[in-house]
Amino acid sequence: MLLPISHEKMTVRRLPAVTIAIIAVTIVAFVLASVASEHAARDLGYVPERANFAGLFTYMFAHANLWHLAGNMWFLFLCGLSLEDRWGRLAFGIYYVVAGVVAAGVHHLATSDPSASLVGASGAVAGAMGAFLVLFATTKIRFVGFAGIRLVSFAAPAYVMLPLWAVTEMLYGIVFHGSGTAHWAHVGGFAFGAVVAGGFRAFGIDRRLDDAALRAAVLGNDPRVDAARALVAKGEAEQAVALLEGLAKEKPESTHVQEALRDAASVARASSASVPAAARTPSSTSTSTSASVGKSDPAPFFPPVVK
């Protein structure tokens, strides 16, 4: 048996709050089900012959035993933190649940025991693994395992190890279809993840989600950037520049703030250059009018404020 212990994409831009929350909720659900009754986990599962709709969502938070829970949560942590960092918290949270539902649907179609209750997060986690394969194919994953009685460790790229796991699950589903393990839920979740991630990349959705996640990580969704852009749109670029200059001092590492500041400054300079010369110098009309009313001093000049 091989156990993945780390990979090269474990550095993230901000706390993987959704991944941590899913793990926490799943652990709490396991504890509560264990305390409630020996059949509580089974009652939360999805039973194909009953097609219980609620079970499509609750089954992924129920587990048969501690090892079942620990394995799924560890795999979720390894894949989830990278996917959440790439797609953002909301998108990843929705994706995880949908992947679990799709995996249950594949199990519904392929199972040889429709009366058995499906429990466990492995279908949703397999969905995360399929997406990880597409988005981080060359990432090296470190494994530990036993070669005989000797403990060994090695690293291999995701494009080798993850398809190998998926093919193994497919073969197990064919050969050991009555084993009690939902191999086809794993295969269905994995295929769903690969297809969705591939589609996201092909249509530019992956890039847009990644940009939004970066913006949220760097800016913390600071509303002042949007407020400054709104000021520019209303023709109040100089006020936008002042707002962004203050924000740039707070977050000098933010490329998004610097970009917004450059845009606002450019608009402010263009607006200043477009002000007519007559609006920036004393007019001869005001001087002659002053003389005609008998004032010996020239009329005071107050430079206009250009907004």
Protein backbone atom coordinates (compact mmCIF):
# COMPACT_ATOMS: atom_id res chain seq x y z
CA MET A 1 0.00 0.00 0.00
CA LEU A 2 1.23 3.49 -0.90
CA LEU A 3 0.29 6.61 1.01
CA PRO A 4 0.75 10.11 -0.44
CA ILE A 5 2.25 12.42 2.17
CA SER A 6 2.86 15.69 0.28
CA HIS A 7 3.22 17.33 -3.11
CA GLU A 8 4.83 20.37 -4.70
CA LYS A 9 1.72 22.58 -4.74
CA MET A 10 1.05 22.75 -1.02
CA THR A 11 2.02 26.44 -0.72
CA VAL A 12 -1.17 28.47 -0.94
CA ARG A 13 -2.01 32.17 -1.13
CA ARG A 14 -4.47 32.15 1.74
CA LEU A 15 -5.99 29.80 4.30
CA PRO A 16 -8.00 26.98 2.61
CA ALA A 17 -11.01 27.77 4.76
CA VAL A 18 -13.55 25.71 2.79
CA THR A 19 -11.37 22.60 2.74
CA ILE A 20 -10.80 22.90 6.48
CA ALA A 21 -14.52 23.50 7.06
CA ILE A 22 -15.51 20.42 5.03
CA ILE A 23 -13.05 18.29 6.99
CA ALA A 24 -14.31 19.71 10.30
CA VAL A 25 -17.99 19.15 9.42
CA THR A 26 -17.26 15.61 8.26
CA ILE A 27 -15.41 14.79 11.47
CA VAL A 28 -18.22 16.25 13.59
CA ALA A 29 -20.79 14.27 11.60
CA PHE A 30 -18.80 11.08 12.17
CA VAL A 31 -18.57 11.70 15.92
CA LEU A 32 -22.27 12.50 16.23
CA ALA A 33 -23.28 9.48 14.17
CA SER A 34 -21.03 7.25 16.25
CA VAL A 35 -22.62 8.50 19.46
CA ALA A 36 -26.19 8.38 18.14
CA SER A 37 -26.43 4.74 17.09
CA GLU A 38 -24.61 2.04 15.19
CA HIS A 39 -26.93 2.56 12.21
CA ALA A 40 -26.75 6.37 12.08
CA ALA A 41 -24.05 6.48 9.37
CA ARG A 42 -26.02 4.03 7.23
CA ASP A 43 -29.16 6.15 7.64
CA LEU A 44 -27.26 9.17 6.29
CA GLY A 45 -26.15 7.22 3.24
CA TYR A 46 -27.57 7.07 -0.27
CA VAL A 47 -29.53 3.92 -1.10
CA PRO A 48 -29.95 3.44 -4.88
CA GLU A 49 -33.12 1.36 -4.69
CA ARG A 50 -34.79 4.06 -2.57
CA ALA A 51 -33.22 6.95 -4.50
CA ASN A 52 -33.39 9.07 -1.35
CA PHE A 53 -32.64 12.59 -2.56
CA ALA A 54 -31.28 13.92 0.73
CA GLY A 55 -28.85 11.02 0.83
CA LEU A 56 -27.14 12.34 -2.30
CA PHE A 57 -25.79 15.15 -0.12
CA THR A 58 -25.52 13.61 3.33
CA TYR A 59 -23.73 10.39 2.31
CA MET A 60 -20.45 12.18 1.67
CA PHE A 61 -20.32 13.35 5.30
CA ALA A 62 -20.96 9.88 6.78
CA HIS A 63 -18.25 7.23 7.20
CA ALA A 64 -18.20 3.59 8.20
CA ASN A 65 -15.21 3.75 10.55
CA LEU A 66 -12.29 5.87 11.67
CA TRP A 67 -9.88 4.62 9.01
CA HIS A 68 -12.44 5.29 6.30
CA LEU A 69 -12.78 8.85 7.59
CA ALA A 70 -9.05 9.47 8.04
CA GLY A 71 -8.12 8.27 4.55
CA ASN A 72 -10.74 10.35 2.80
CA MET A 73 -9.98 13.49 4.77
CA TRP A 74 -6.25 13.19 4.15
CA PHE A 75 -6.75 12.84 0.40
CA LEU A 76 -9.19 15.76 0.49
CA PHE A 77 -6.65 17.91 2.29
CA LEU A 78 -3.89 17.14 -0.22
CA CYS A 79 -6.05 17.93 -3.27
CA GLY A 80 -8.47 20.42 -1.78
CA LEU A 81 -6.00 23.01 -0.60
CA SER A 82 -4.53 23.35 -4.10
CA LEU A 83 -7.90 23.39 -5.88
CA GLU A 84 -9.39 25.89 -3.45
CA ASP A 85 -6.36 28.12 -3.91
CA ARG A 86 -6.78 27.87 -7.69
CA TRP A 87 -10.55 28.28 -7.99
CA GLY A 88 -11.45 30.20 -4.86
CA ARG A 89 -13.48 29.22 -1.85
CA LEU A 90 -17.02 29.44 -3.22
CA ALA A 91 -16.29 27.72 -6.53
CA PHE A 92 -14.41 24.88 -4.85
CA GLY A 93 -17.10 24.35 -2.23
CA ILE A 94 -19.81 24.07 -4.87
CA TYR A 95 -17.63 21.85 -7.04
CA TYR A 96 -16.92 19.44 -4.20
CA VAL A 97 -20.60 18.88 -3.44
CA VAL A 98 -21.54 18.51 -7.12
CA ALA A 99 -18.72 16.01 -7.64
CA GLY A 100 -20.06 13.97 -4.73
CA VAL A 101 -23.57 13.97 -6.18
CA VAL A 102 -22.30 12.90 -9.61
CA ALA A 103 -20.24 10.12 -8.06
CA ALA A 104 -23.34 8.85 -6.25
CA GLY A 105 -25.23 8.94 -9.54
CA VAL A 106 -22.60 6.78 -11.24
CA HIS A 107 -22.72 4.37 -8.31
CA HIS A 108 -26.52 4.25 -8.65
CA LEU A 109 -26.18 3.12 -12.26
CA ALA A 110 -23.33 0.65 -11.77
CA THR A 111 -23.84 -0.94 -8.36
CA SER A 112 -24.61 -4.64 -8.07
CA ASP A 113 -26.26 -4.13 -4.67
CA PRO A 114 -28.81 -1.30 -4.90
CA SER A 115 -30.07 -2.00 -1.38
CA ALA A 116 -26.72 -1.17 0.22
CA SER A 117 -26.23 2.29 1.71
CA LEU A 118 -23.46 4.32 0.10
CA VAL A 119 -21.40 6.31 2.63
CA GLY A 120 -18.12 8.18 2.50
CA ALA A 121 -16.55 11.23 0.88
CA SER A 122 -14.43 9.20 -1.53
CA GLY A 123 -16.58 10.01 -4.58
CA ALA A 124 -16.29 13.75 -3.98
CA VAL A 125 -12.60 13.38 -3.12
CA ALA A 126 -12.08 11.44 -6.35
CA GLY A 127 -13.61 14.42 -8.13
CA ALA A 128 -10.95 16.61 -6.53
CA MET A 129 -8.28 14.14 -7.65
CA GLY A 130 -9.50 14.22 -11.26
CA ALA A 131 -9.39 18.00 -11.33
CA PHE A 132 -5.96 17.97 -9.68
CA LEU A 133 -4.68 15.71 -12.44
CA VAL A 134 -5.72 18.17 -15.17
CA LEU A 135 -4.59 21.35 -13.43
CA PHE A 136 -1.39 20.09 -11.80
CA ALA A 137 -0.41 17.19 -14.05
CA THR A 138 3.36 17.60 -13.69
CA THR A 139 3.28 18.16 -9.93
CA LYS A 140 5.34 15.56 -8.11
CA ILE A 141 3.61 13.71 -5.30
CA ARG A 142 5.65 12.08 -2.54
CA PHE A 143 4.61 8.63 -1.37
CA VAL A 144 5.67 6.29 1.40
CA GLY A 145 5.10 2.56 1.51
CA PHE A 146 6.62 -0.78 2.28
CA ALA A 147 8.81 -2.83 -0.04
CA GLY A 148 8.69 -6.07 1.85
CA ILE A 149 9.60 -5.04 5.36
CA ARG A 150 11.52 -1.95 4.31
CA LEU A 151 9.91 1.49 4.39
CA VAL A 152 10.50 3.38 1.14
CA SER A 153 9.73 6.86 -0.08
CA PHE A 154 9.62 8.22 -3.62
CA ALA A 155 8.13 11.03 -5.70
CA ALA A 156 6.23 10.65 -8.95
CA PRO A 157 4.26 13.09 -11.12
CA ALA A 158 0.50 13.32 -10.86
CA TYR A 159 0.07 12.36 -14.53
CA VAL A 160 1.54 8.93 -13.70
CA MET A 161 0.08 8.10 -10.30
CA LEU A 162 -3.46 9.47 -10.54
CA PRO A 163 -4.43 7.76 -13.82
CA LEU A 164 -2.88 4.57 -12.45
CA TRP A 165 -5.14 4.82 -9.41
CA ALA A 166 -8.20 5.49 -11.59
CA VAL A 167 -7.49 2.49 -13.85
CA THR A 168 -7.00 0.30 -10.78
CA GLU A 169 -10.36 1.41 -9.40
CA MET A 170 -12.01 0.64 -12.74
CA LEU A 171 -10.52 -2.86 -12.82
CA TYR A 172 -11.58 -3.46 -9.22
CA GLY A 173 -15.09 -2.32 -10.14
CA ILE A 174 -15.21 -4.88 -12.93
CA VAL A 175 -13.56 -7.80 -11.14
CA PHE A 176 -14.65 -7.22 -7.54
CA HIS A 177 -18.06 -5.70 -8.14
CA GLY A 178 -19.45 -7.27 -4.97
CA SER A 179 -16.60 -6.23 -2.68
CA GLY A 180 -18.60 -3.64 -0.74
CA THR A 181 -16.36 -0.79 -1.92
CA ALA A 182 -17.95 1.80 -4.20
CA HIS A 183 -15.29 1.61 -6.92
CA TRP A 184 -17.59 3.04 -9.58
CA ALA A 185 -18.31 6.08 -7.42
CA HIS A 186 -14.55 6.65 -7.37
CA VAL A 187 -14.31 6.25 -11.14
CA GLY A 188 -17.32 8.49 -11.75
CA GLY A 189 -16.06 11.23 -9.45
CA PHE A 190 -12.58 11.10 -10.97
CA ALA A 191 -13.89 11.27 -14.55
CA PHE A 192 -16.20 14.14 -13.63
CA GLY A 193 -13.30 16.06 -12.13
CA ALA A 194 -11.08 15.56 -15.15
CA VAL A 195 -13.83 16.61 -17.59
CA VAL A 196 -14.87 19.68 -15.61
CA ALA A 197 -11.31 20.88 -15.04
CA GLY A 198 -10.51 20.28 -18.71
CA GLY A 199 -13.60 22.25 -19.74
CA PHE A 200 -12.75 25.06 -17.34
CA ARG A 201 -9.29 25.31 -18.85
CA ALA A 202 -10.49 25.12 -22.45
CA PHE A 203 -13.06 27.90 -22.02
CA GLY A 204 -10.91 30.17 -19.86
CA ILE A 205 -12.98 29.64 -16.73
CA ASP A 206 -10.00 28.25 -14.85
CA ARG A 207 -7.97 31.41 -15.58
CA ARG A 208 -10.80 33.71 -14.53
CA LEU A 209 -11.32 31.80 -11.30
CA ASP A 210 -7.59 31.84 -10.61
CA ASP A 211 -7.42 35.60 -11.22
CA ALA A 212 -10.37 36.16 -8.89
CA ALA A 213 -8.77 33.96 -6.24
CA LEU A 214 -5.52 35.89 -6.53
CA ARG A 215 -7.37 39.17 -6.25
CA ALA A 216 -9.19 37.97 -3.14
CA ALA A 217 -5.96 36.64 -1.62
CA VAL A 218 -3.95 39.82 -2.22
CA LEU A 219 -6.65 42.42 -1.66
CA GLY A 220 -8.81 40.54 0.76
CA ASN A 221 -11.75 41.72 -1.39
CA ASP A 222 -10.98 45.30 -0.34
CA PRO A 223 -13.97 47.41 -1.47
CA ARG A 224 -11.80 50.51 -1.79
CA VAL A 225 -10.41 49.35 -5.13
CA ASP A 226 -13.90 49.06 -6.57
CA ALA A 227 -14.81 52.41 -5.01
CA ALA A 228 -11.80 54.02 -6.67
CA ARG A 229 -12.71 52.58 -10.05
CA ALA A 230 -16.23 53.92 -9.61
CA LEU A 231 -14.79 57.38 -8.94
CA VAL A 232 -12.78 57.18 -12.15
CA ALA A 233 -15.89 56.19 -14.06
CA LYS A 234 -17.68 59.28 -12.67
CA GLY A 235 -14.85 61.57 -13.78
CA GLU A 236 -13.36 62.02 -10.31
CA ALA A 237 -9.98 60.50 -11.08
CA GLU A 238 -7.98 62.71 -8.71
CA GLN A 239 -10.05 61.54 -5.75
CA ALA A 240 -9.55 57.95 -6.92
CA VAL A 241 -5.78 58.52 -7.05
CA ALA A 242 -5.77 59.84 -3.48
CA LEU A 243 -7.77 56.82 -2.28
CA LEU A 244 -5.52 54.33 -4.06
CA GLU A 245 -2.31 55.99 -2.91
CA GLY A 246 -3.39 55.40 0.68
CA LEU A 247 -4.29 51.79 -0.12
CA ALA A 248 -0.95 51.26 -1.87
CA LYS A 249 0.85 52.27 1.32
CA GLU A 250 -1.13 49.67 3.25
CA LYS A 251 -0.60 46.92 0.68
CA PRO A 252 2.57 47.70 -1.27
CA GLU A 253 2.81 44.09 -2.49
CA SER A 254 -0.54 44.22 -4.27
CA THR A 255 -0.17 44.31 -8.04
CA HIS A 256 -3.91 44.90 -8.36
CA VAL A 257 -3.74 48.10 -6.32
CA GLN A 258 -0.74 49.30 -8.33
CA GLU A 259 -2.57 48.57 -11.57
CA ALA A 260 -5.68 50.44 -10.43
CA LEU A 261 -3.51 53.36 -9.28
CA ARG A 262 -1.74 53.56 -12.64
CA ASP A 263 -5.07 53.56 -14.47
CA ALA A 264 -6.53 56.27 -12.24
CA ALA A 265 -3.39 58.43 -12.50
CA SER A 266 -3.42 58.12 -16.28
CA VAL A 267 -7.04 59.29 -16.43
CA ALA A 268 -6.29 62.14 -14.03
CA ARG A 269 -3.39 63.35 -16.17
CA ALA A 270 -5.49 63.15 -19.33
CA SER A 271 -8.29 65.12 -17.66
CA SER A 272 -5.87 67.79 -16.48
CA ALA A 273 -4.33 68.14 -19.94
CA SER A 274 -7.74 68.57 -21.53
CA VAL A 275 -8.70 71.62 -19.40
CA PRO A 276 -8.76 74.74 -21.67
CA ALA A 277 -6.01 77.33 -21.17
CA ALA A 278 -8.63 80.01 -20.48
CA ALA A 279 -9.71 78.08 -17.41
CA ARG A 280 -6.17 78.11 -16.02
CA THR A 281 -5.19 81.83 -16.57
CA PRO A 282 -6.80 85.17 -15.62
CA SER A 283 -9.11 86.41 -18.32
CA SER A 284 -8.74 89.86 -19.84
CA THR A 285 -12.48 90.30 -19.48
CA SER A 286 -12.35 90.17 -15.70
CA THR A 287 -9.52 92.76 -15.63
CA SER A 288 -11.31 95.23 -17.86
CA THR A 289 -14.51 94.83 -15.88
CA SER A 290 -12.62 95.58 -12.71
CA ALA A 291 -11.19 98.76 -14.19
CA SER A 292 -14.55 99.94 -15.43
CA VAL A 293 -15.96 100.02 -11.92
CA GLY A 294 -13.10 102.19 -10.70
CA LYS A 295 -11.04 99.65 -8.69
CA SER A 296 -7.33 100.48 -8.70
CA ASP A 297 -6.29 96.89 -7.76
CA PRO A 298 -6.63 94.09 -10.26
CA ALA A 299 -9.37 91.57 -9.68
CA PRO A 300 -8.17 88.68 -7.47
CA PHE A 301 -7.43 85.43 -9.31
CA PHE A 302 -8.59 82.15 -7.80
CA PRO A 303 -7.36 79.13 -9.80
CA PRO A 304 -10.20 76.80 -10.63
CA VAL A 305 -10.29 73.43 -8.97
CA VAL A 306 -10.15 70.76 -11.59
CA LYS A 307 -11.83 67.56 -10.46
